[in-house]
């Protein structure tokens, strides 16, 4: 080897010794990395991850993209694996406030009726967690009998104010667990009446509750005070989302496997109408009581359908994004918040996908999407606070609840 080549090799080895490998997955994907005031170009990009070589002892770094706020990254050594960041849009009414870490796989989010707390059910954890609204503090560790907690599989929640109770479904045991909604102490558990209970809904008077049972393809009708099963309604497909008509006469169930919503007469407990949505996977229902409408999300098609309650007609179906999950109306019913999980990983939905999910906002008066923000890995559970000023959603694969202010 010539002397010149040896000299060049020594220079290269010296430079490499003063550089650190740093991997970043960021959204928007077009974000650039600024280190100590200068833009650093990635050495390579693979699977959505930018691979950088950064100088040893770098002072600060920023992720920057047009129309987004800079994301400050303090100096630290990367411990392993790509670090994930999202930038916040400048021109949005969804303004990031804070986040709380949770147990594994937070499946749902719900605010208490007074807005002081929000709860999340953990699909891969030992029950539910309760947080103070407007802070980063957990209320307390919620106690549930170990024989139930160890089986995991907690899915959805419902506050029933008339009897001061919080109900939680657990699909692995087929049980509904009851907590005192005033202090979140555990009270009791009872069978949901079907296999793999999911969504819980209650009528306006809080006398009857309804539970969709995934594997048994049934909806249970339950007396909320005695916990007695009043009726088991068999559905022509897998039920998930539930909604009660404003007059409490009808129950609507979104059939995930049948591409339709069934209308059930609550005096006879019989299905009286099949509202066909097409080939898809209807997942969640939001009832607009003032405008007499149903909104139904479809996970497979990435759409939301608007249905007239008075005529049972589909008024409109519009595309939103990949793998839609929970939808929630603002208290004044002006805005519909929609969680989009994003595209699945080739390895399945229990693995992080190529992009983060999003939260979309649909204006029900203008009948158009008017806003959105990035979520994390698979935004799933979603809720709007009773005063309409806060939106909370769960990042299913990140073990995190994100809190945004809705500033309209």
Protein backbone atom coordinates (compact mmCIF):
# COMPACT_ATOMS: atom_id res chain seq x y z
CA UNK A 1 0.00 0.00 0.00
CA UNK A 2 1.36 3.42 -0.96
CA UNK A 3 2.15 5.99 1.70
CA UNK A 4 -0.60 8.30 0.42
CA UNK A 5 -3.22 5.53 0.74
CA UNK A 6 -2.05 4.71 4.25
CA UNK A 7 -2.39 8.38 5.18
CA UNK A 8 -5.93 8.54 3.79
CA UNK A 9 -6.91 5.37 5.66
CA UNK A 10 -5.59 6.82 8.92
CA UNK A 11 -7.61 9.98 8.36
CA UNK A 12 -10.73 7.92 7.72
CA UNK A 13 -10.24 5.76 10.82
CA UNK A 14 -9.67 8.87 12.94
CA UNK A 15 -12.87 10.44 11.60
CA UNK A 16 -14.90 7.29 12.23
CA UNK A 17 -13.64 7.12 15.81
CA UNK A 18 -15.10 10.58 16.34
CA UNK A 19 -18.53 9.70 14.96
CA UNK A 20 -21.49 7.92 16.53
CA UNK A 21 -24.15 5.93 14.76
CA UNK A 22 -27.63 7.39 15.37
CA UNK A 23 -30.89 6.01 13.92
CA UNK A 24 -34.08 8.07 13.71
CA UNK A 25 -37.60 7.32 12.50
CA UNK A 26 -39.47 10.60 12.24
CA UNK A 27 -42.68 12.01 10.83
CA UNK A 28 -43.12 13.76 8.57
CA UNK A 29 -40.70 11.49 6.72
CA UNK A 30 -39.19 14.52 4.99
CA UNK A 31 -37.82 15.93 8.27
CA UNK A 32 -34.14 16.97 8.18
CA UNK A 33 -31.73 16.63 11.08
CA UNK A 34 -29.89 19.76 12.21
CA UNK A 35 -26.90 19.15 14.52
CA UNK A 36 -24.98 22.03 16.08
CA UNK A 37 -26.52 24.36 13.50
CA UNK A 38 -25.72 22.31 10.39
CA UNK A 39 -27.87 19.87 8.38
CA UNK A 40 -26.70 16.27 8.61
CA UNK A 41 -27.56 14.01 5.70
CA UNK A 42 -28.36 10.36 6.45
CA UNK A 43 -25.82 7.75 5.45
CA UNK A 44 -28.67 5.51 4.37
CA UNK A 45 -32.44 5.02 4.72
CA UNK A 46 -34.10 1.64 5.24
CA UNK A 47 -37.55 0.66 6.47
CA UNK A 48 -38.41 4.27 7.23
CA UNK A 49 -35.33 4.65 9.47
CA UNK A 50 -32.68 7.30 8.73
CA UNK A 51 -29.16 6.15 9.63
CA UNK A 52 -26.87 9.02 10.66
CA UNK A 53 -23.26 9.42 11.77
CA UNK A 54 -23.08 12.20 14.37
CA UNK A 55 -19.99 13.80 15.92
CA UNK A 56 -19.03 12.55 19.38
CA UNK A 57 -20.30 14.94 22.04
CA UNK A 58 -22.78 16.77 19.80
CA UNK A 59 -24.47 19.54 21.75
CA UNK A 60 -28.00 19.65 20.39
CA UNK A 61 -30.05 18.43 17.46
CA UNK A 62 -33.28 19.51 15.83
CA UNK A 63 -35.70 17.80 13.51
CA UNK A 64 -37.09 20.36 11.07
CA UNK A 65 -39.70 20.37 8.32
CA UNK A 66 -41.71 23.12 6.57
CA UNK A 67 -44.99 24.02 8.34
CA UNK A 68 -43.95 22.05 11.43
CA UNK A 69 -42.52 23.12 14.76
CA UNK A 70 -38.88 22.17 15.37
CA UNK A 71 -38.39 19.11 17.55
CA UNK A 72 -35.51 19.60 19.99
CA UNK A 73 -33.38 16.54 20.77
CA UNK A 74 -31.04 16.97 23.77
CA UNK A 75 -27.62 15.35 23.70
CA UNK A 76 -27.55 11.69 24.65
CA UNK A 77 -26.03 8.44 23.54
CA UNK A 78 -28.35 6.12 21.68
CA UNK A 79 -28.91 2.95 23.69
CA UNK A 80 -30.17 0.78 20.85
CA UNK A 81 -32.84 0.71 18.17
CA UNK A 82 -34.18 3.61 16.15
CA UNK A 83 -35.53 6.55 18.12
CA UNK A 84 -38.98 7.75 17.09
CA UNK A 85 -40.09 11.37 16.91
CA UNK A 86 -43.03 13.25 15.48
CA UNK A 87 -43.21 16.94 14.73
CA UNK A 88 -46.24 19.06 15.55
CA UNK A 89 -47.97 20.96 12.73
CA UNK A 90 -48.01 24.74 12.99
CA UNK A 91 -51.43 25.33 11.45
CA UNK A 92 -53.75 23.10 13.43
CA UNK A 93 -56.39 23.37 16.14
CA UNK A 94 -55.09 20.16 17.75
CA UNK A 95 -52.32 21.38 20.02
CA UNK A 96 -50.11 18.91 21.87
CA UNK A 97 -50.32 19.18 25.65
CA UNK A 98 -48.76 16.13 27.31
CA UNK A 99 -48.64 12.37 27.47
CA UNK A 100 -48.76 9.61 30.06
CA UNK A 101 -47.07 6.25 29.95
CA UNK A 102 -49.37 3.29 30.50
CA UNK A 103 -49.19 -0.46 30.81
CA UNK A 104 -49.00 -2.67 27.74
CA UNK A 105 -51.42 -2.11 24.84
CA UNK A 106 -53.89 0.56 26.00
CA UNK A 107 -56.98 -0.40 24.00
CA UNK A 108 -59.47 2.33 24.91
CA UNK A 109 -59.75 5.76 26.54
CA UNK A 110 -62.73 7.33 28.29
CA UNK A 111 -63.23 10.51 30.34
CA UNK A 112 -65.26 10.43 33.53
CA UNK A 113 -68.60 12.30 33.25
CA UNK A 114 -67.24 15.19 35.35
CA UNK A 115 -64.10 15.39 33.23
CA UNK A 116 -61.74 15.07 36.21
CA UNK A 117 -60.25 11.75 35.15
CA UNK A 118 -59.71 9.52 32.16
CA UNK A 119 -59.35 5.76 32.19
CA UNK A 120 -57.70 3.28 29.86
CA UNK A 121 -58.18 -0.49 29.60
CA UNK A 122 -55.05 -2.55 28.96
CA UNK A 123 -55.35 -5.39 26.48
CA UNK A 124 -52.00 -6.84 27.53
CA UNK A 125 -52.05 -5.60 31.11
CA UNK A 126 -53.65 -6.39 34.44
CA UNK A 127 -56.73 -4.18 34.32
CA UNK A 128 -57.33 -0.45 33.94
CA UNK A 129 -55.41 2.69 34.79
CA UNK A 130 -56.87 6.02 35.89
CA UNK A 131 -55.23 9.42 35.32
CA UNK A 132 -56.04 12.93 36.42
CA UNK A 133 -57.16 15.06 33.50
CA UNK A 134 -54.93 18.05 32.84
CA UNK A 135 -51.87 16.55 34.53
CA UNK A 136 -49.25 13.86 34.08
CA UNK A 137 -50.25 12.10 37.28
CA UNK A 138 -51.82 8.70 37.67
CA UNK A 139 -54.74 8.62 40.11
CA UNK A 140 -53.66 5.38 41.75
CA UNK A 141 -52.98 1.76 41.04
CA UNK A 142 -56.36 0.15 40.45
CA UNK A 143 -56.74 -3.10 42.32
CA UNK A 144 -58.46 -6.06 40.67
CA UNK A 145 -58.39 -9.69 41.88
CA UNK A 146 -55.21 -11.38 40.71
CA UNK A 147 -57.10 -14.35 39.26
CA UNK A 148 -58.62 -11.96 36.73
CA UNK A 149 -55.69 -9.58 36.30
CA UNK A 150 -53.29 -12.33 35.27
CA UNK A 151 -55.52 -13.29 32.33
CA UNK A 152 -55.22 -9.78 30.80
CA UNK A 153 -57.50 -8.94 27.83
CA UNK A 154 -59.23 -5.77 29.12
CA UNK A 155 -60.96 -3.95 26.26
CA UNK A 156 -63.56 -1.21 26.77
CA UNK A 157 -65.06 0.85 29.59
CA UNK A 158 -68.30 2.63 30.39
CA UNK A 159 -69.30 5.04 33.16
CA UNK A 160 -72.90 4.61 34.36
CA UNK A 161 -73.53 7.80 36.37
CA UNK A 162 -76.96 6.77 37.70
CA UNK A 163 -75.43 4.06 39.85
CA UNK A 164 -71.93 5.55 40.29
CA UNK A 165 -70.22 2.66 38.54
CA UNK A 166 -67.48 2.10 35.98
CA UNK A 167 -67.78 -1.10 33.94
CA UNK A 168 -64.86 -2.77 32.18
CA UNK A 169 -65.03 -5.68 29.72
CA UNK A 170 -62.45 -8.48 29.78
CA UNK A 171 -62.58 -10.68 26.70
CA UNK A 172 -60.31 -13.47 27.98
CA UNK A 173 -62.62 -14.31 30.91
CA UNK A 174 -65.97 -13.26 29.46
CA UNK A 175 -66.52 -11.01 32.47
CA UNK A 176 -67.60 -7.46 33.20
CA UNK A 177 -65.75 -5.91 36.15
CA UNK A 178 -67.34 -3.14 38.21
CA UNK A 179 -65.60 -0.27 40.02
CA UNK A 180 -67.03 2.53 42.13
CA UNK A 181 -66.72 5.55 39.83
CA UNK A 182 -66.27 7.91 42.79
CA UNK A 183 -63.06 6.36 44.13
CA UNK A 184 -62.29 3.58 41.59
CA UNK A 185 -62.35 0.78 44.13
CA UNK A 186 -63.16 -2.68 42.83
CA UNK A 187 -66.70 -3.86 43.61
CA UNK A 188 -67.51 -7.10 41.79
CA UNK A 189 -67.46 -9.09 38.55
CA UNK A 190 -70.13 -10.97 36.61
CA UNK A 191 -70.44 -12.92 33.33
CA UNK A 192 -71.12 -10.75 30.26
CA UNK A 193 -73.34 -13.42 28.74
CA UNK A 194 -71.10 -14.18 25.76
CA UNK A 195 -67.57 -15.00 24.63
CA UNK A 196 -65.04 -12.18 24.17
CA UNK A 197 -67.09 -9.18 25.35
CA UNK A 198 -66.00 -5.90 23.78
CA UNK A 199 -68.04 -2.67 23.72
CA UNK A 200 -70.43 -1.69 26.52
CA UNK A 201 -73.29 0.79 26.03
CA UNK A 202 -76.21 1.84 28.23
CA UNK A 203 -79.61 3.40 27.63
CA UNK A 204 -80.31 6.99 28.60
CA UNK A 205 -81.77 6.01 31.96
CA UNK A 206 -78.91 3.70 32.84
CA UNK A 207 -81.29 0.81 33.54
CA UNK A 208 -80.05 -1.52 30.82
CA UNK A 209 -76.57 -2.11 29.51
CA UNK A 210 -75.61 -3.80 26.26
CA UNK A 211 -72.44 -5.75 25.55
CA UNK A 212 -71.16 -6.91 22.15
CA UNK A 213 -69.66 -10.39 22.33
CA UNK A 214 -67.15 -10.98 19.55
CA UNK A 215 -66.72 -14.77 19.44
CA UNK A 216 -70.28 -15.78 20.27
CA UNK A 217 -71.71 -13.22 17.79
CA UNK A 218 -74.24 -11.99 20.31
CA UNK A 219 -75.28 -8.86 22.16
CA UNK A 220 -76.14 -9.21 25.85
CA UNK A 221 -78.88 -7.13 27.45
CA UNK A 222 -78.13 -6.66 31.15
CA UNK A 223 -80.02 -5.14 34.09
CA UNK A 224 -77.48 -2.67 35.50
CA UNK A 225 -78.54 -3.04 39.13
CA UNK A 226 -78.99 -6.80 39.43
CA UNK A 227 -76.48 -7.71 36.68
CA UNK A 228 -79.02 -10.24 35.44
CA UNK A 229 -78.90 -11.15 31.76
CA UNK A 230 -82.26 -10.06 30.37
CA UNK A 231 -81.73 -11.24 26.81
CA UNK A 232 -79.12 -12.65 24.45
CA UNK A 233 -79.51 -11.28 20.91
CA UNK A 234 -77.88 -13.30 18.13
CA UNK A 235 -76.43 -11.24 15.28
CA UNK A 236 -75.61 -12.31 11.68
CA UNK A 237 -71.94 -11.41 12.11
CA UNK A 238 -69.36 -10.30 14.67
CA UNK A 239 -70.69 -7.31 16.65
CA UNK A 240 -68.39 -4.62 17.99
CA UNK A 241 -69.54 -0.99 18.05
CA UNK A 242 -72.85 -0.19 19.76
CA UNK A 243 -75.08 2.88 19.78
CA UNK A 244 -78.46 3.75 21.33
CA UNK A 245 -81.00 5.89 19.47
CA UNK A 246 -81.79 9.24 21.17
CA UNK A 247 -85.29 8.01 22.12
CA UNK A 248 -83.87 4.80 23.67
CA UNK A 249 -86.07 2.65 21.42
CA UNK A 250 -83.36 1.10 19.26
CA UNK A 251 -79.92 -0.39 19.59
CA UNK A 252 -77.50 -0.27 16.66
CA UNK A 253 -74.66 -2.80 16.37
CA UNK A 254 -71.79 -2.55 13.88
CA UNK A 255 -71.07 -6.02 12.51
CA UNK A 256 -67.35 -6.23 11.90
CA UNK A 257 -67.54 -9.36 9.76
CA UNK A 258 -70.69 -8.57 7.78
CA UNK A 259 -70.24 -5.05 6.45
CA UNK A 260 -73.44 -3.70 7.96
CA UNK A 261 -75.16 -2.17 10.96
CA UNK A 262 -78.15 -3.97 12.46
CA UNK A 263 -81.03 -2.09 14.07
CA UNK A 264 -82.54 -3.84 17.11
CA UNK A 265 -85.96 -3.01 18.57
CA UNK A 266 -85.47 -2.76 22.34
CA UNK A 267 -89.06 -3.66 23.12
CA UNK A 268 -88.91 -7.00 21.31
CA UNK A 269 -85.10 -7.44 21.19
CA UNK A 270 -85.41 -8.39 17.52
CA UNK A 271 -83.36 -7.20 14.56
CA UNK A 272 -85.70 -5.15 12.42
CA UNK A 273 -83.31 -3.67 9.88
CA UNK A 274 -79.99 -4.44 8.21
CA UNK A 275 -78.24 -1.24 7.10
CA UNK A 276 -75.80 -2.37 4.42
CA UNK A 277 -72.48 -0.54 4.23
CA UNK A 278 -70.70 -2.79 1.74
CA UNK A 279 -67.69 -5.07 1.90
CA UNK A 280 -65.77 -3.89 4.94
CA UNK A 281 -65.28 -4.12 8.70
CA UNK A 282 -67.52 -1.65 10.61
CA UNK A 283 -65.90 -1.11 14.00
CA UNK A 284 -67.21 1.80 16.04
CA UNK A 285 -70.41 3.87 16.31
CA UNK A 286 -70.91 7.46 17.48
CA UNK A 287 -74.47 8.74 17.96
CA UNK A 288 -75.26 12.38 17.14
CA UNK A 289 -78.37 12.92 19.25
CA UNK A 290 -79.02 16.49 18.12
CA UNK A 291 -78.86 15.80 14.39
CA UNK A 292 -80.36 12.29 14.64
CA UNK A 293 -77.44 10.57 12.92
CA UNK A 294 -75.06 7.67 13.36
CA UNK A 295 -71.40 7.78 12.38
CA UNK A 296 -69.76 4.40 11.76
CA UNK A 297 -66.04 3.77 11.22
CA UNK A 298 -64.87 0.99 8.91
CA UNK A 299 -61.43 -0.43 9.64
CA UNK A 300 -61.05 -2.35 6.37
CA UNK A 301 -62.14 0.40 4.00
CA UNK A 302 -60.77 3.31 6.00
CA UNK A 303 -64.10 5.10 5.74
CA UNK A 304 -66.74 6.70 7.93
CA UNK A 305 -70.43 6.38 7.04
CA UNK A 306 -73.11 8.86 8.06
CA UNK A 307 -76.54 7.26 8.63
CA UNK A 308 -79.91 8.90 9.22
CA UNK A 309 -81.55 7.46 12.34
CA UNK A 310 -85.05 8.44 11.22
CA UNK A 311 -84.81 6.81 7.77
CA UNK A 312 -82.01 4.23 8.29
CA UNK A 313 -80.46 5.48 5.06
CA UNK A 314 -76.73 5.87 4.46
CA UNK A 315 -76.38 9.58 3.71
CA UNK A 316 -72.68 9.70 2.99
CA UNK A 317 -69.52 7.58 3.10
CA UNK A 318 -66.11 9.25 2.97
CA UNK A 319 -62.51 8.01 3.05
CA UNK A 320 -60.32 9.05 5.99
CA UNK A 321 -57.22 6.85 6.35
CA UNK A 322 -55.82 3.37 6.94
CA UNK A 323 -57.24 1.11 9.64
CA UNK A 324 -59.78 3.36 11.32
CA UNK A 325 -60.49 2.58 14.95
CA UNK A 326 -62.42 4.65 17.48
CA UNK A 327 -64.51 7.72 16.63
CA UNK A 328 -65.84 10.30 19.10
CA UNK A 329 -68.05 13.36 18.76
CA UNK A 330 -67.36 16.67 20.46
CA UNK A 331 -70.06 17.50 23.06
CA UNK A 332 -71.72 19.98 20.68
CA UNK A 333 -71.57 17.32 17.90
CA UNK A 334 -69.90 19.80 15.56
CA UNK A 335 -66.71 17.75 15.19
CA UNK A 336 -66.03 14.04 14.81
CA UNK A 337 -62.59 12.88 15.97
CA UNK A 338 -61.27 9.79 14.20
CA UNK A 339 -58.29 7.57 15.07
CA UNK A 340 -56.43 6.03 12.14
CA UNK A 341 -53.99 3.28 13.08
CA UNK A 342 -51.96 3.64 9.88
CA UNK A 343 -50.71 0.88 7.62
CA UNK A 344 -49.96 -2.48 9.22
CA UNK A 345 -46.51 -4.00 9.39
CA UNK A 346 -45.91 -6.93 7.06
CA UNK A 347 -45.47 -8.97 10.26
CA UNK A 348 -48.96 -8.15 11.52
CA UNK A 349 -50.71 -5.48 13.55
CA UNK A 350 -48.89 -6.38 16.78
CA UNK A 351 -45.70 -5.02 15.19
CA UNK A 352 -44.98 -1.37 14.43
CA UNK A 353 -45.98 -0.35 10.93
CA UNK A 354 -44.01 1.77 8.43
CA UNK A 355 -45.63 5.05 9.53
CA UNK A 356 -47.29 6.55 12.57
CA UNK A 357 -51.06 6.77 12.70
CA UNK A 358 -53.09 9.98 12.69
CA UNK A 359 -56.01 11.66 14.40
CA UNK A 360 -58.42 13.28 11.94
CA UNK A 361 -61.16 15.86 12.53
CA UNK A 362 -64.37 15.90 10.49
CA UNK A 363 -66.63 18.96 10.54
CA UNK A 364 -70.18 17.57 10.65
CA UNK A 365 -71.69 20.85 9.38
CA UNK A 366 -69.29 21.49 6.52
CA UNK A 367 -69.19 17.71 5.93
CA UNK A 368 -65.47 17.62 5.28
CA UNK A 369 -62.20 16.75 6.98
CA UNK A 370 -60.79 19.97 8.41
CA UNK A 371 -57.79 19.00 10.56
CA UNK A 372 -55.41 16.23 11.59
CA UNK A 373 -52.33 15.49 13.68
CA UNK A 374 -49.78 12.71 13.89
CA UNK A 375 -50.34 10.04 16.51
CA UNK A 376 -47.83 7.40 17.53
CA UNK A 377 -47.70 3.70 16.76
CA UNK A 378 -51.31 2.67 16.20
CA UNK A 379 -53.64 5.31 17.70
CA UNK A 380 -56.57 3.20 18.88
CA UNK A 381 -58.66 4.41 21.82
CA UNK A 382 -60.02 7.95 21.55
CA UNK A 383 -62.19 10.27 23.64
CA UNK A 384 -63.25 13.91 23.81
CA UNK A 385 -63.58 15.55 27.22
CA UNK A 386 -67.04 16.62 28.46
CA UNK A 387 -66.15 20.30 28.02
CA UNK A 388 -64.92 19.70 24.47
CA UNK A 389 -61.51 21.25 25.12
CA UNK A 390 -59.40 18.08 25.24
CA UNK A 391 -58.87 15.04 23.04
CA UNK A 392 -57.12 11.97 24.45
CA UNK A 393 -55.99 8.95 22.45
CA UNK A 394 -53.97 5.81 23.09
CA UNK A 395 -50.92 4.75 21.09
CA UNK A 396 -51.53 1.02 21.31
CA UNK A 397 -47.98 -0.22 20.61
CA UNK A 398 -46.23 2.59 22.50
CA UNK A 399 -47.99 2.14 25.85
CA UNK A 400 -48.94 5.79 25.91
CA UNK A 401 -51.91 8.17 26.16
CA UNK A 402 -51.50 11.48 24.33
CA UNK A 403 -53.39 14.60 25.35
CA UNK A 404 -54.18 17.38 22.86
CA UNK A 405 -56.01 20.66 23.38
CA UNK A 406 -58.79 21.32 20.91
CA UNK A 407 -58.52 25.08 20.37
CA UNK A 408 -61.47 26.26 18.31
